[in-house]
């Protein structure tokens, strides 16, 4: 067992939009939460009900989200702010996230119009229908009954500060500017561990909360989008591809997907006990 600490916590209320940095968070079955708002609980879809992210719409990187008492407040450059009520009364509809068909409730015309205007494309904003359970892939989650909302596949994404430092050292050797952790959109960043220690994580215990790590995270072109400008480049995928290719998963990996074995409250600075699996 190895001791580390929680360096930072991040929640993404709307899939694809900017995250919120947290001093403390609740760990629930579907991931991190604050003030009753869950991670990736909202999502944009197109006219066919297929999910949309920065993969298709890099300008989502510039949409910030703030949790208010009764709403999510959206903001973007040169746009008036838009308040999205937390209580939604729109139509429920089936939507697609990768191979999963799940259900969302429409957040209304005002939110759809604001986002469509910003993105120059017709979109709708949906909130996850909590009456439906979206189970994680049993190939990795086993019979845990772990489930998530609109995340790509698993409730929590964990990485280490040292892994980013190592990557930035390699980028510097190529004459590239360092990149921030926002490129990887993790929920929990741990400090005090060697680079890529997360490759072999088995469990992470932070207070009462226990996470079980189940699958390395394969990375897509979202990592090449500058989260401050929405400009798309080629790094860090080019550099990661030289030393982080996972043949079994047929992709470049960075960070580890985890499911929740036990909930609790976690805070930045908390001690984290990590066990490893080398199989």
C-alpha atoms as a PDB file:
ATOM      1  CA  UNK A   1       0.000   0.000   0.000  1.00  0.00           C
ATOM      2  CA  UNK A   2       1.250   3.477  -0.927  1.00  0.00           C
ATOM      3  CA  UNK A   3       0.267   6.817   0.584  1.00  0.00           C
ATOM      4  CA  UNK A   4      -0.543   9.752  -1.684  1.00  0.00           C
ATOM      5  CA  UNK A   5      -2.701  12.851  -1.380  1.00  0.00           C
ATOM      6  CA  UNK A   6      -5.541  14.414  -3.303  1.00  0.00           C
ATOM      7  CA  UNK A   7      -4.068  17.272  -5.330  1.00  0.00           C
ATOM      8  CA  UNK A   8      -7.308  18.414  -6.991  1.00  0.00           C
ATOM      9  CA  UNK A   9     -10.951  17.489  -7.618  1.00  0.00           C
ATOM     10  CA  UNK A  10     -12.975  18.277 -10.734  1.00  0.00           C
ATOM     11  CA  UNK A  11     -16.647  17.947 -11.633  1.00  0.00           C
ATOM     12  CA  UNK A  12     -18.105  18.266 -15.135  1.00  0.00           C
ATOM     13  CA  UNK A  13     -21.865  18.895 -14.827  1.00  0.00           C
ATOM     14  CA  UNK A  14     -22.309  19.094 -18.615  1.00  0.00           C
ATOM     15  CA  UNK A  15     -20.443  16.561 -20.714  1.00  0.00           C
ATOM     16  CA  UNK A  16     -17.960  18.406 -22.953  1.00  0.00           C
ATOM     17  CA  UNK A  17     -18.164  21.785 -21.185  1.00  0.00           C
ATOM     18  CA  UNK A  18     -15.659  23.219 -18.742  1.00  0.00           C
ATOM     19  CA  UNK A  19     -15.310  21.575 -15.386  1.00  0.00           C
ATOM     20  CA  UNK A  20     -15.621  22.991 -11.892  1.00  0.00           C
ATOM     21  CA  UNK A  21     -12.690  22.810  -9.485  1.00  0.00           C
ATOM     22  CA  UNK A  22     -13.843  21.635  -6.066  1.00  0.00           C
ATOM     23  CA  UNK A  23     -12.382  21.859  -2.577  1.00  0.00           C
ATOM     24  CA  UNK A  24     -14.580  18.944  -1.519  1.00  0.00           C
ATOM     25  CA  UNK A  25     -16.897  16.480  -3.226  1.00  0.00           C
ATOM     26  CA  UNK A  26     -19.259  13.661  -2.432  1.00  0.00           C
ATOM     27  CA  UNK A  27     -18.363  10.306  -3.918  1.00  0.00           C
ATOM     28  CA  UNK A  28     -21.547   8.508  -4.970  1.00  0.00           C
ATOM     29  CA  UNK A  29     -22.145   5.490  -7.175  1.00  0.00           C
ATOM     30  CA  UNK A  30     -22.259   7.586 -10.348  1.00  0.00           C
ATOM     31  CA  UNK A  31     -19.065   9.526  -9.514  1.00  0.00           C
ATOM     32  CA  UNK A  32     -18.339  12.865  -7.904  1.00  0.00           C
ATOM     33  CA  UNK A  33     -21.164  15.174  -6.915  1.00  0.00           C
ATOM     34  CA  UNK A  34     -21.651  18.555  -5.276  1.00  0.00           C
ATOM     35  CA  UNK A  35     -24.874  20.192  -4.091  1.00  0.00           C
ATOM     36  CA  UNK A  36     -26.784  17.288  -5.587  1.00  0.00           C
ATOM     37  CA  UNK A  37     -25.247  17.809  -9.041  1.00  0.00           C
ATOM     38  CA  UNK A  38     -23.552  14.769 -10.513  1.00  0.00           C
ATOM     39  CA  UNK A  39     -20.666  14.400 -12.906  1.00  0.00           C
ATOM     40  CA  UNK A  40     -21.729  14.419 -16.574  1.00  0.00           C
ATOM     41  CA  UNK A  41     -25.371  14.626 -15.541  1.00  0.00           C
ATOM     42  CA  UNK A  42     -26.202  16.872 -18.523  1.00  0.00           C
ATOM     43  CA  UNK A  43     -25.312  16.289 -22.156  1.00  0.00           C
ATOM     44  CA  UNK A  44     -25.857  17.819 -25.594  1.00  0.00           C
ATOM     45  CA  UNK A  45     -27.420  15.796 -28.388  1.00  0.00           C
ATOM     46  CA  UNK A  46     -28.063  16.376 -32.071  1.00  0.00           C
ATOM     47  CA  UNK A  47     -31.348  15.961 -33.911  1.00  0.00           C
ATOM     48  CA  UNK A  48     -30.915  12.168 -33.967  1.00  0.00           C
ATOM     49  CA  UNK A  49     -30.368  11.910 -30.202  1.00  0.00           C
ATOM     50  CA  UNK A  50     -26.659  11.157 -30.534  1.00  0.00           C
ATOM     51  CA  UNK A  51     -24.385  12.707 -27.930  1.00  0.00           C
ATOM     52  CA  UNK A  52     -22.097  15.614 -28.782  1.00  0.00           C
ATOM     53  CA  UNK A  53     -18.797  16.584 -27.142  1.00  0.00           C
ATOM     54  CA  UNK A  54     -15.654  18.541 -27.932  1.00  0.00           C
ATOM     55  CA  UNK A  55     -14.813  15.834 -30.443  1.00  0.00           C
ATOM     56  CA  UNK A  56     -17.375  17.373 -32.778  1.00  0.00           C
ATOM     57  CA  UNK A  57     -17.699  20.806 -31.164  1.00  0.00           C
ATOM     58  CA  UNK A  58     -14.391  22.186 -29.794  1.00  0.00           C
ATOM     59  CA  UNK A  59     -16.135  25.464 -28.843  1.00  0.00           C
ATOM     60  CA  UNK A  60     -17.739  23.604 -25.935  1.00  0.00           C
ATOM     61  CA  UNK A  61     -14.372  24.037 -24.212  1.00  0.00           C
ATOM     62  CA  UNK A  62     -15.230  27.720 -23.760  1.00  0.00           C
ATOM     63  CA  UNK A  63     -18.600  27.119 -22.089  1.00  0.00           C
ATOM     64  CA  UNK A  64     -18.224  27.489 -18.335  1.00  0.00           C
ATOM     65  CA  UNK A  65     -20.728  26.061 -15.891  1.00  0.00           C
ATOM     66  CA  UNK A  66     -21.509  27.374 -12.424  1.00  0.00           C
ATOM     67  CA  UNK A  67     -23.817  25.634  -9.945  1.00  0.00           C
ATOM     68  CA  UNK A  68     -26.383  28.029  -8.459  1.00  0.00           C
ATOM     69  CA  UNK A  69     -29.093  27.247  -5.931  1.00  0.00           C
ATOM     70  CA  UNK A  70     -31.761  26.430  -8.508  1.00  0.00           C
ATOM     71  CA  UNK A  71     -29.893  26.391 -11.792  1.00  0.00           C
ATOM     72  CA  UNK A  72     -26.771  25.789 -13.799  1.00  0.00           C
ATOM     73  CA  UNK A  73     -25.403  29.096 -15.077  1.00  0.00           C
ATOM     74  CA  UNK A  74     -23.783  28.877 -18.490  1.00  0.00           C
ATOM     75  CA  UNK A  75     -21.346  31.484 -19.776  1.00  0.00           C
ATOM     76  CA  UNK A  76     -19.241  31.903 -22.915  1.00  0.00           C
ATOM     77  CA  UNK A  77     -17.267  34.805 -24.425  1.00  0.00           C
ATOM     78  CA  UNK A  78     -19.465  37.683 -25.634  1.00  0.00           C
ATOM     79  CA  UNK A  79     -22.626  35.775 -24.698  1.00  0.00           C
ATOM     80  CA  UNK A  80     -25.181  36.704 -22.089  1.00  0.00           C
ATOM     81  CA  UNK A  81     -25.288  34.159 -19.294  1.00  0.00           C
ATOM     82  CA  UNK A  82     -27.978  31.498 -19.440  1.00  0.00           C
ATOM     83  CA  UNK A  83     -29.592  29.918 -16.387  1.00  0.00           C
ATOM     84  CA  UNK A  84     -30.718  26.317 -16.842  1.00  0.00           C
ATOM     85  CA  UNK A  85     -33.232  25.262 -14.160  1.00  0.00           C
ATOM     86  CA  UNK A  86     -32.179  22.217 -12.173  1.00  0.00           C
ATOM     87  CA  UNK A  87     -35.757  20.992 -12.237  1.00  0.00           C
ATOM     88  CA  UNK A  88     -36.544  20.052 -15.799  1.00  0.00           C
ATOM     89  CA  UNK A  89     -40.036  19.357 -17.118  1.00  0.00           C
ATOM     90  CA  UNK A  90     -39.311  18.607 -20.757  1.00  0.00           C
ATOM     91  CA  UNK A  91     -39.937  15.472 -22.719  1.00  0.00           C
ATOM     92  CA  UNK A  92     -37.980  12.360 -21.871  1.00  0.00           C
ATOM     93  CA  UNK A  93     -36.253  10.729 -24.808  1.00  0.00           C
ATOM     94  CA  UNK A  94     -33.898   7.864 -25.502  1.00  0.00           C
ATOM     95  CA  UNK A  95     -30.413   8.979 -26.537  1.00  0.00           C
ATOM     96  CA  UNK A  96     -27.203   7.226 -27.509  1.00  0.00           C
ATOM     97  CA  UNK A  97     -23.827   7.399 -25.720  1.00  0.00           C
ATOM     98  CA  UNK A  98     -21.407   5.159 -27.576  1.00  0.00           C
ATOM     99  CA  UNK A  99     -23.032   1.707 -27.379  1.00  0.00           C
ATOM    100  CA  UNK A 100     -25.465   2.637 -24.624  1.00  0.00           C
ATOM    101  CA  UNK A 101     -29.042   3.726 -25.139  1.00  0.00           C
ATOM    102  CA  UNK A 102     -30.082   5.810 -22.155  1.00  0.00           C
ATOM    103  CA  UNK A 103     -32.768   8.321 -21.328  1.00  0.00           C
ATOM    104  CA  UNK A 104     -32.549  12.066 -20.806  1.00  0.00           C
ATOM    105  CA  UNK A 105     -35.047  14.808 -20.022  1.00  0.00           C
ATOM    106  CA  UNK A 106     -35.003  17.903 -22.199  1.00  0.00           C
ATOM    107  CA  UNK A 107     -33.769  21.025 -20.392  1.00  0.00           C
ATOM    108  CA  UNK A 108     -35.936  23.398 -22.428  1.00  0.00           C
ATOM    109  CA  UNK A 109     -35.900  25.743 -25.383  1.00  0.00           C
ATOM    110  CA  UNK A 110     -33.936  28.559 -23.715  1.00  0.00           C
ATOM    111  CA  UNK A 111     -30.907  26.354 -23.032  1.00  0.00           C
ATOM    112  CA  UNK A 112     -31.141  24.784 -26.489  1.00  0.00           C
ATOM    113  CA  UNK A 113     -31.301  28.193 -28.181  1.00  0.00           C
ATOM    114  CA  UNK A 114     -28.345  29.577 -26.190  1.00  0.00           C
ATOM    115  CA  UNK A 115     -26.128  26.576 -26.913  1.00  0.00           C
ATOM    116  CA  UNK A 116     -27.208  26.378 -30.556  1.00  0.00           C
ATOM    117  CA  UNK A 117     -26.348  30.047 -30.987  1.00  0.00           C
ATOM    118  CA  UNK A 118     -22.904  29.602 -29.461  1.00  0.00           C
ATOM    119  CA  UNK A 119     -22.129  26.432 -31.405  1.00  0.00           C
ATOM    120  CA  UNK A 120     -23.756  27.497 -34.711  1.00  0.00           C
ATOM    121  CA  UNK A 121     -25.514  24.139 -34.776  1.00  0.00           C
ATOM    122  CA  UNK A 122     -28.899  22.914 -33.606  1.00  0.00           C
ATOM    123  CA  UNK A 123     -28.513  21.056 -30.319  1.00  0.00           C
ATOM    124  CA  UNK A 124     -30.603  20.110 -27.312  1.00  0.00           C
ATOM    125  CA  UNK A 125     -29.476  19.890 -23.696  1.00  0.00           C
ATOM    126  CA  UNK A 126     -30.691  16.908 -21.669  1.00  0.00           C
ATOM    127  CA  UNK A 127     -30.456  15.955 -18.023  1.00  0.00           C
ATOM    128  CA  UNK A 128     -29.916  12.288 -17.211  1.00  0.00           C
ATOM    129  CA  UNK A 129     -33.115  10.501 -16.218  1.00  0.00           C
ATOM    130  CA  UNK A 130     -32.209   9.038 -12.836  1.00  0.00           C
ATOM    131  CA  UNK A 131     -35.096   6.588 -13.014  1.00  0.00           C
ATOM    132  CA  UNK A 132     -32.955   4.659 -15.509  1.00  0.00           C
ATOM    133  CA  UNK A 133     -29.711   2.854 -14.618  1.00  0.00           C
ATOM    134  CA  UNK A 134     -26.845   2.825 -17.093  1.00  0.00           C
ATOM    135  CA  UNK A 135     -24.529   0.004 -16.104  1.00  0.00           C
ATOM    136  CA  UNK A 136     -20.809   0.044 -16.805  1.00  0.00           C
ATOM    137  CA  UNK A 137     -19.301  -2.507 -19.155  1.00  0.00           C
ATOM    138  CA  UNK A 138     -19.236  -5.821 -17.218  1.00  0.00           C
ATOM    139  CA  UNK A 139     -16.124  -6.867 -19.134  1.00  0.00           C
ATOM    140  CA  UNK A 140     -14.260  -4.460 -16.845  1.00  0.00           C
ATOM    141  CA  UNK A 141     -16.712  -3.716 -14.024  1.00  0.00           C
ATOM    142  CA  UNK A 142     -17.613  -7.379 -13.522  1.00  0.00           C
ATOM    143  CA  UNK A 143     -20.739  -8.073 -11.492  1.00  0.00           C
ATOM    144  CA  UNK A 144     -20.287  -4.905  -9.415  1.00  0.00           C
ATOM    145  CA  UNK A 145     -23.486  -3.344 -10.810  1.00  0.00           C
ATOM    146  CA  UNK A 146     -21.471  -0.134 -11.128  1.00  0.00           C
ATOM    147  CA  UNK A 147     -23.278   2.513 -13.105  1.00  0.00           C
ATOM    148  CA  UNK A 148     -22.784   6.004 -14.416  1.00  0.00           C
ATOM    149  CA  UNK A 149     -24.687   8.814 -16.102  1.00  0.00           C
ATOM    150  CA  UNK A 150     -23.519  10.429 -19.354  1.00  0.00           C
ATOM    151  CA  UNK A 151     -19.786   9.759 -18.817  1.00  0.00           C
ATOM    152  CA  UNK A 152     -18.089   7.875 -21.644  1.00  0.00           C
ATOM    153  CA  UNK A 153     -18.152   4.658 -19.669  1.00  0.00           C
ATOM    154  CA  UNK A 154     -17.190   4.822 -15.987  1.00  0.00           C
ATOM    155  CA  UNK A 155     -17.997   7.048 -12.990  1.00  0.00           C
ATOM    156  CA  UNK A 156     -14.540   8.370 -12.030  1.00  0.00           C
ATOM    157  CA  UNK A 157     -11.344   9.221 -13.904  1.00  0.00           C
ATOM    158  CA  UNK A 158      -8.138   9.298 -11.847  1.00  0.00           C
ATOM    159  CA  UNK A 159      -4.615  10.353 -12.748  1.00  0.00           C
ATOM    160  CA  UNK A 160      -1.444  11.636 -11.095  1.00  0.00           C
ATOM    161  CA  UNK A 161       0.330  14.971 -11.183  1.00  0.00           C
ATOM    162  CA  UNK A 162       3.595  13.143 -11.915  1.00  0.00           C
ATOM    163  CA  UNK A 163       2.209  11.640 -15.126  1.00  0.00           C
ATOM    164  CA  UNK A 164       1.461  15.098 -16.498  1.00  0.00           C
ATOM    165  CA  UNK A 165       4.877  16.343 -15.377  1.00  0.00           C
ATOM    166  CA  UNK A 166       6.531  13.481 -17.246  1.00  0.00           C
ATOM    167  CA  UNK A 167       4.502  14.199 -20.384  1.00  0.00           C
ATOM    168  CA  UNK A 168       5.349  17.890 -20.223  1.00  0.00           C
ATOM    169  CA  UNK A 169       9.024  17.021 -19.904  1.00  0.00           C
ATOM    170  CA  UNK A 170       8.770  15.041 -23.131  1.00  0.00           C
ATOM    171  CA  UNK A 171       6.898  17.874 -24.819  1.00  0.00           C
ATOM    172  CA  UNK A 172       9.614  20.317 -23.746  1.00  0.00           C
ATOM    173  CA  UNK A 173      12.205  18.131 -25.470  1.00  0.00           C
ATOM    174  CA  UNK A 174      10.258  18.683 -28.691  1.00  0.00           C
ATOM    175  CA  UNK A 175      10.143  22.429 -28.116  1.00  0.00           C
ATOM    176  CA  UNK A 176       6.428  22.328 -27.249  1.00  0.00           C
ATOM    177  CA  UNK A 177       4.697  24.358 -24.560  1.00  0.00           C
ATOM    178  CA  UNK A 178       3.508  22.490 -21.455  1.00  0.00           C
ATOM    179  CA  UNK A 179      -0.147  21.542 -21.311  1.00  0.00           C
ATOM    180  CA  UNK A 180      -2.437  21.761 -18.279  1.00  0.00           C
ATOM    181  CA  UNK A 181      -4.309  18.886 -16.710  1.00  0.00           C
ATOM    182  CA  UNK A 182      -7.564  20.280 -18.127  1.00  0.00           C
ATOM    183  CA  UNK A 183      -6.693  18.580 -21.437  1.00  0.00           C
ATOM    184  CA  UNK A 184      -7.405  15.209 -19.787  1.00  0.00           C
ATOM    185  CA  UNK A 185     -10.562  16.166 -17.850  1.00  0.00           C
ATOM    186  CA  UNK A 186      -9.936  13.967 -14.780  1.00  0.00           C
ATOM    187  CA  UNK A 187     -12.096  13.887 -11.666  1.00  0.00           C
ATOM    188  CA  UNK A 188      -9.328  13.164  -9.163  1.00  0.00           C
ATOM    189  CA  UNK A 189      -5.638  14.056  -9.418  1.00  0.00           C
ATOM    190  CA  UNK A 190      -3.260  12.449  -6.925  1.00  0.00           C
ATOM    191  CA  UNK A 191       0.150  13.719  -5.892  1.00  0.00           C
ATOM    192  CA  UNK A 192       3.108  11.938  -4.290  1.00  0.00           C
ATOM    193  CA  UNK A 193       3.293   9.003  -6.707  1.00  0.00           C
ATOM    194  CA  UNK A 194       5.618   8.125  -9.601  1.00  0.00           C
ATOM    195  CA  UNK A 195       4.601   8.857 -13.194  1.00  0.00           C
ATOM    196  CA  UNK A 196       1.977   6.433 -14.532  1.00  0.00           C
ATOM    197  CA  UNK A 197       1.591   4.679 -11.202  1.00  0.00           C
ATOM    198  CA  UNK A 198      -2.115   4.712 -12.026  1.00  0.00           C
ATOM    199  CA  UNK A 199      -1.486   2.075 -14.705  1.00  0.00           C
ATOM    200  CA  UNK A 200      -1.357  -0.478 -11.902  1.00  0.00           C
ATOM    201  CA  UNK A 201      -3.862   0.933  -9.408  1.00  0.00           C
ATOM    202  CA  UNK A 202      -6.197  -1.612  -7.867  1.00  0.00           C
ATOM    203  CA  UNK A 203      -7.986   0.374  -5.164  1.00  0.00           C
ATOM    204  CA  UNK A 204      -7.873   3.954  -3.890  1.00  0.00           C
ATOM    205  CA  UNK A 205      -9.128   4.705  -0.373  1.00  0.00           C
ATOM    206  CA  UNK A 206      -9.764   8.327   0.621  1.00  0.00           C
ATOM    207  CA  UNK A 207     -11.464   8.491   4.004  1.00  0.00           C
ATOM    208  CA  UNK A 208     -14.583   6.342   3.728  1.00  0.00           C
ATOM    209  CA  UNK A 209     -14.583   6.470  -0.066  1.00  0.00           C
ATOM    210  CA  UNK A 210     -13.154   3.486  -1.916  1.00  0.00           C
ATOM    211  CA  UNK A 211     -12.599   3.369  -5.666  1.00  0.00           C
ATOM    212  CA  UNK A 212     -11.786   0.277  -7.664  1.00  0.00           C
ATOM    213  CA  UNK A 213      -9.751   0.917 -10.781  1.00  0.00           C
ATOM    214  CA  UNK A 214     -10.950  -1.145 -13.726  1.00  0.00           C
ATOM    215  CA  UNK A 215      -9.677   0.111 -17.081  1.00  0.00           C
ATOM    216  CA  UNK A 216      -7.012   2.457 -18.494  1.00  0.00           C
ATOM    217  CA  UNK A 217      -8.529   5.426 -20.289  1.00  0.00           C
ATOM    218  CA  UNK A 218      -7.879   5.530 -24.019  1.00  0.00           C
ATOM    219  CA  UNK A 219      -7.574   9.106 -25.245  1.00  0.00           C
ATOM    220  CA  UNK A 220      -9.090  10.856 -28.228  1.00  0.00           C
ATOM    221  CA  UNK A 221      -8.649  14.154 -30.055  1.00  0.00           C
ATOM    222  CA  UNK A 222     -10.265  16.102 -27.202  1.00  0.00           C
ATOM    223  CA  UNK A 223      -6.823  16.109 -25.565  1.00  0.00           C
ATOM    224  CA  UNK A 224      -5.537  18.149 -28.514  1.00  0.00           C
ATOM    225  CA  UNK A 225      -8.059  20.958 -27.916  1.00  0.00           C
ATOM    226  CA  UNK A 226      -6.719  23.948 -26.000  1.00  0.00           C
ATOM    227  CA  UNK A 227      -9.277  24.365 -23.237  1.00  0.00           C
ATOM    228  CA  UNK A 228      -8.604  28.101 -23.003  1.00  0.00           C
ATOM    229  CA  UNK A 229      -8.991  28.910 -26.703  1.00  0.00           C
ATOM    230  CA  UNK A 230     -10.753  25.893 -28.300  1.00  0.00           C
ATOM    231  CA  UNK A 231      -7.937  25.733 -30.863  1.00  0.00           C
ATOM    232  CA  UNK A 232      -7.187  22.166 -31.984  1.00  0.00           C
ATOM    233  CA  UNK A 233      -3.601  20.986 -32.484  1.00  0.00           C
ATOM    234  CA  UNK A 234      -1.726  17.678 -32.604  1.00  0.00           C
ATOM    235  CA  UNK A 235      -0.282  17.441 -29.109  1.00  0.00           C
ATOM    236  CA  UNK A 236      -0.244  15.625 -26.772  1.00  0.00           C
ATOM    237  CA  UNK A 237      -1.501  12.678 -28.830  1.00  0.00           C
ATOM    238  CA  UNK A 238       1.542  12.730 -31.102  1.00  0.00           C
ATOM    239  CA  UNK A 239       3.946  12.435 -28.177  1.00  0.00           C
ATOM    240  CA  UNK A 240       1.781  10.050 -26.147  1.00  0.00           C
ATOM    241  CA  UNK A 241       1.541   7.794 -29.179  1.00  0.00           C
ATOM    242  CA  UNK A 242       5.287   7.212 -29.022  1.00  0.00           C
ATOM    243  CA  UNK A 243       5.272   5.644 -25.562  1.00  0.00           C
ATOM    244  CA  UNK A 244       1.709   5.149 -24.312  1.00  0.00           C
ATOM    245  CA  UNK A 245       0.164   2.916 -26.982  1.00  0.00           C
ATOM    246  CA  UNK A 246      -1.801   0.020 -25.496  1.00  0.00           C
ATOM    247  CA  UNK A 247      -2.079  -2.755 -28.086  1.00  0.00           C
ATOM    248  CA  UNK A 248      -4.770  -4.581 -26.134  1.00  0.00           C
ATOM    249  CA  UNK A 249      -7.018  -1.520 -26.058  1.00  0.00           C
ATOM    250  CA  UNK A 250      -5.855  -0.312 -29.482  1.00  0.00           C
ATOM    251  CA  UNK A 251      -5.301   3.223 -28.257  1.00  0.00           C
ATOM    252  CA  UNK A 252      -3.143   5.701 -26.384  1.00  0.00           C
ATOM    253  CA  UNK A 253      -3.799   5.654 -22.648  1.00  0.00           C
ATOM    254  CA  UNK A 254      -3.537   8.326 -19.968  1.00  0.00           C
ATOM    255  CA  UNK A 255      -5.367   8.075 -16.599  1.00  0.00           C
ATOM    256  CA  UNK A 256      -7.428   5.258 -15.118  1.00  0.00           C
ATOM    257  CA  UNK A 257     -11.176   4.656 -15.065  1.00  0.00           C
ATOM    258  CA  UNK A 258     -12.615   3.672 -11.705  1.00  0.00           C
ATOM    259  CA  UNK A 259     -15.903   2.528 -10.212  1.00  0.00           C
ATOM    260  CA  UNK A 260     -17.159   3.333  -6.724  1.00  0.00           C
ATOM    261  CA  UNK A 261     -16.958   0.537  -4.164  1.00  0.00           C
ATOM    262  CA  UNK A 262     -17.920   2.784  -1.251  1.00  0.00           C
ATOM    263  CA  UNK A 263     -19.031   6.400  -1.053  1.00  0.00           C
ATOM    264  CA  UNK A 264     -17.964   9.243   1.171  1.00  0.00           C
ATOM    265  CA  UNK A 265     -16.775  12.831   1.279  1.00  0.00           C
ATOM    266  CA  UNK A 266     -13.317  13.667  -0.062  1.00  0.00           C
ATOM    267  CA  UNK A 267     -11.332  16.902   0.010  1.00  0.00           C
ATOM    268  CA  UNK A 268      -8.237  18.309  -1.607  1.00  0.00           C
ATOM    269  CA  UNK A 269      -5.266  17.552   0.607  1.00  0.00           C
ATOM    270  CA  UNK A 270      -6.775  14.309   1.906  1.00  0.00           C
ATOM    271  CA  UNK A 271      -4.525  11.297   2.275  1.00  0.00           C
ATOM    272  CA  UNK A 272      -5.131   8.559  -0.277  1.00  0.00           C
ATOM    273  CA  UNK A 273      -4.097   4.935   0.245  1.00  0.00           C
ATOM    274  CA  UNK A 274      -3.401   3.082  -2.979  1.00  0.00           C
ATOM    275  CA  UNK A 275      -3.076  -0.636  -3.571  1.00  0.00           C
ATOM    276  CA  UNK A 276      -1.669  -2.091  -6.774  1.00  0.00           C
ATOM    277  CA  UNK A 277      -2.388  -4.933  -9.141  1.00  0.00           C
ATOM    278  CA  UNK A 278       0.310  -6.263 -11.462  1.00  0.00           C
ATOM    279  CA  UNK A 279      -1.463  -8.758 -13.668  1.00  0.00           C
END
